[in-house]
Amino acid sequence: MATELVNLLRQHDVQVTVQRIAVLRAVSGQPHITADGVAEIVRAELGVISKQAVYDALSVLVERRLVRRIQPAGSPARYEDRVGDNHHHLVCRSCHHMVDIDCAVGFTPYLSPSDSMGYEIDEAEVIYWGHCSKCLAEASQTKSSEIPPQ
C-alpha cells in the first residue's frame, strides 16, 4: 500500500513525505475522520507528529484533490479519500455518525442554480440530516422504559 500511496502523491505533484503518506493512509482507513483522529492514528504509526503538521498535510491533500474536506454545521471538519464522484453525506443529529450516499436521483435543482453568476459548476455539496437507526432504537427504548406500567 505504501508504494501505491507514494505513486498517488507523485501523480498529483505532491512531495512525498513519511507524514503525508501516514496522513493519507489514516484518511483512507477511516472515512469521515477528524483531524484529531488523523493525528491520533499517525502518532500511533510514526511516534511523534504535531497537530500543525497534520493540518498542513491535510491541506495539501485537499488542495490536490486527493482528500475531500467536509464540514457539516456544528461539527469539526472531516476528511475522506472518496473524491471525484460528487457523492453526498447523511449525518445523524444525535451521534453525529456520517455515511456516504450516492447522488440524489431524479430532478436535481441544486446542480442547476437559477443564476450561476458566470461559474462553471462541477460539484454540489449536499448533506442530509436525520437520526440513524441505532439512535432511533435507543430513543424508542428510552421512551418505552419511561412509560409507567398500567
Protein backbone atom coordinates (compact mmCIF):
# COMPACT_ATOMS: atom_id res chain seq x y z
CA MET A 1 0.00 0.00 0.00
CA ALA A 2 2.85 2.42 0.74
CA THR A 3 4.08 2.14 -2.85
CA GLU A 4 0.57 2.88 -4.13
CA LEU A 5 0.35 5.96 -1.90
CA VAL A 6 3.80 7.15 -2.99
CA ASN A 7 2.76 6.80 -6.63
CA LEU A 8 -0.54 8.56 -5.96
CA LEU A 9 1.23 11.50 -4.32
CA ARG A 10 3.70 11.74 -7.21
CA GLN A 11 0.93 11.59 -9.82
CA HIS A 12 -0.61 14.65 -8.16
CA ASP A 13 2.71 16.50 -7.88
CA VAL A 14 2.77 16.25 -4.10
CA GLN A 15 6.14 16.00 -2.42
CA VAL A 16 6.35 12.57 -0.81
CA THR A 17 6.99 12.60 2.93
CA VAL A 18 6.51 9.97 5.60
CA GLN A 19 3.98 12.26 7.32
CA ARG A 20 1.86 12.74 4.17
CA ILE A 21 1.83 9.02 3.49
CA ALA A 22 0.74 8.35 7.07
CA VAL A 23 -1.97 11.03 6.91
CA LEU A 24 -3.28 9.70 3.60
CA ARG A 25 -3.27 6.16 4.98
CA ALA A 26 -5.21 7.31 8.08
CA VAL A 27 -7.85 9.05 5.97
CA SER A 28 -8.09 6.06 3.62
CA GLY A 29 -8.53 3.69 6.53
CA GLN A 30 -11.24 5.64 8.30
CA PRO A 31 -13.62 7.71 6.15
CA HIS A 32 -15.08 10.87 7.69
CA ILE A 33 -12.26 11.16 10.19
CA THR A 34 -11.47 14.40 12.01
CA ALA A 35 -8.02 15.99 12.04
CA ASP A 36 -7.67 14.95 15.68
CA GLY A 37 -8.48 11.37 14.69
CA VAL A 38 -5.88 11.53 11.91
CA ALA A 39 -3.29 12.87 14.36
CA GLU A 40 -4.02 10.04 16.80
CA ILE A 41 -3.59 7.36 14.12
CA VAL A 42 -0.46 8.98 12.68
CA ARG A 43 1.11 9.33 16.14
CA ALA A 44 0.49 5.63 16.75
CA GLU A 45 2.23 4.86 13.45
CA LEU A 46 5.11 7.37 13.48
CA GLY A 47 5.52 8.18 17.13
CA VAL A 48 5.51 11.96 17.04
CA ILE A 49 3.79 14.46 14.76
CA SER A 50 2.49 17.90 15.60
CA LYS A 51 -1.13 18.79 15.08
CA GLN A 52 0.06 21.57 12.77
CA ALA A 53 1.92 19.04 10.60
CA VAL A 54 -1.29 17.01 10.32
CA TYR A 55 -3.28 20.11 9.32
CA ASP A 56 -0.59 21.08 6.80
CA ALA A 57 -0.61 17.60 5.24
CA LEU A 58 -4.42 17.55 5.10
CA SER A 59 -4.43 20.99 3.49
CA VAL A 60 -2.05 19.87 0.73
CA LEU A 61 -4.03 16.67 0.14
CA VAL A 62 -7.31 18.62 -0.08
CA GLU A 63 -5.74 21.21 -2.39
CA ARG A 64 -4.52 18.44 -4.72
CA ARG A 65 -7.93 16.73 -4.52
CA LEU A 66 -6.59 13.53 -3.02
CA VAL A 67 -8.75 14.07 0.03
CA ARG A 68 -12.12 15.77 0.43
CA ARG A 69 -12.90 18.05 3.37
CA ILE A 70 -16.47 18.05 4.65
CA GLN A 71 -17.69 20.34 7.41
CA PRO A 72 -21.29 19.83 8.47
CA ALA A 73 -22.77 22.63 10.55
CA GLY A 74 -21.84 22.30 14.22
CA SER A 75 -19.27 19.60 13.54
CA PRO A 76 -15.50 19.62 13.16
CA ALA A 77 -14.16 19.21 9.64
CA ARG A 78 -13.98 15.63 8.47
CA TYR A 79 -11.85 14.09 5.76
CA GLU A 80 -12.32 11.26 3.29
CA ASP A 81 -10.49 9.88 0.29
CA ARG A 82 -13.61 9.29 -1.81
CA VAL A 83 -13.17 12.14 -4.26
CA GLY A 84 -14.35 12.99 -7.75
CA ASP A 85 -17.76 11.33 -7.72
CA ASN A 86 -19.85 14.13 -6.19
CA HIS A 87 -21.48 11.86 -3.60
CA HIS A 88 -23.37 13.25 -0.63
CA HIS A 89 -23.49 12.62 3.12
CA LEU A 90 -26.06 11.70 5.73
CA VAL A 91 -25.37 12.82 9.31
CA CYS A 92 -27.11 11.65 12.46
CA ARG A 93 -28.23 14.59 14.60
CA SER A 94 -27.80 12.52 17.77
CA CYS A 95 -24.47 10.68 17.49
CA HIS A 96 -23.04 12.64 14.53
CA HIS A 97 -22.20 9.44 12.64
CA MET A 98 -21.72 10.22 8.95
CA VAL A 99 -22.23 7.93 5.98
CA ASP A 100 -21.79 8.34 2.23
CA ILE A 101 -24.80 8.23 -0.04
CA ASP A 102 -24.80 8.35 -3.79
CA CYS A 103 -26.03 11.39 -5.66
CA ALA A 104 -29.68 12.21 -5.43
CA VAL A 105 -31.71 10.78 -8.28
CA GLY A 106 -34.39 12.46 -10.33
CA PHE A 107 -34.66 16.22 -10.60
CA THR A 108 -31.59 17.81 -9.03
CA PRO A 109 -32.20 21.55 -8.73
CA TYR A 110 -29.05 22.14 -6.67
CA LEU A 111 -26.86 21.29 -9.68
CA SER A 112 -28.59 23.92 -11.80
CA PRO A 113 -28.93 27.14 -9.81
CA SER A 114 -31.19 29.90 -11.08
CA ASP A 115 -28.08 32.02 -11.75
CA SER A 116 -24.60 30.51 -11.93
CA MET A 117 -23.06 34.00 -11.76
CA GLY A 118 -20.67 33.04 -14.56
CA TYR A 119 -19.30 29.99 -12.71
CA GLU A 120 -18.87 26.61 -14.35
CA ILE A 121 -20.34 24.39 -11.65
CA ASP A 122 -18.69 21.00 -11.26
CA GLU A 123 -19.76 19.93 -7.78
CA ALA A 124 -22.56 20.41 -5.28
CA GLU A 125 -22.26 19.63 -1.59
CA VAL A 126 -25.38 18.17 -0.09
CA ILE A 127 -25.70 17.00 3.50
CA TYR A 128 -28.81 15.20 4.66
CA TRP A 129 -29.61 15.30 8.37
CA GLY A 130 -31.65 12.86 10.40
CA HIS A 131 -31.34 10.15 13.03
CA CYS A 132 -29.57 6.84 12.45
CA SER A 133 -31.34 3.56 13.17
CA LYS A 134 -29.21 2.95 16.29
CA CYS A 135 -30.17 6.32 17.84
CA LEU A 136 -33.83 5.83 16.86
CA ALA A 137 -33.85 2.42 18.55
CA GLU A 138 -32.21 3.84 21.69
CA ALA A 139 -34.71 6.72 21.80
CA SER A 140 -37.60 4.30 21.34
CA GLN A 141 -36.27 2.05 24.09
CA THR A 142 -35.85 5.02 26.44
CA LYS A 143 -39.40 6.20 25.75
CA SER A 144 -40.87 2.74 26.33
CA SER A 145 -38.98 2.36 29.62
CA GLU A 146 -40.36 5.71 30.81
CA ILE A 147 -43.98 4.68 30.33
CA PRO A 148 -45.41 3.64 33.71
CA PRO A 149 -46.99 0.17 33.87
CA GLN A 150 -50.77 0.08 33.95
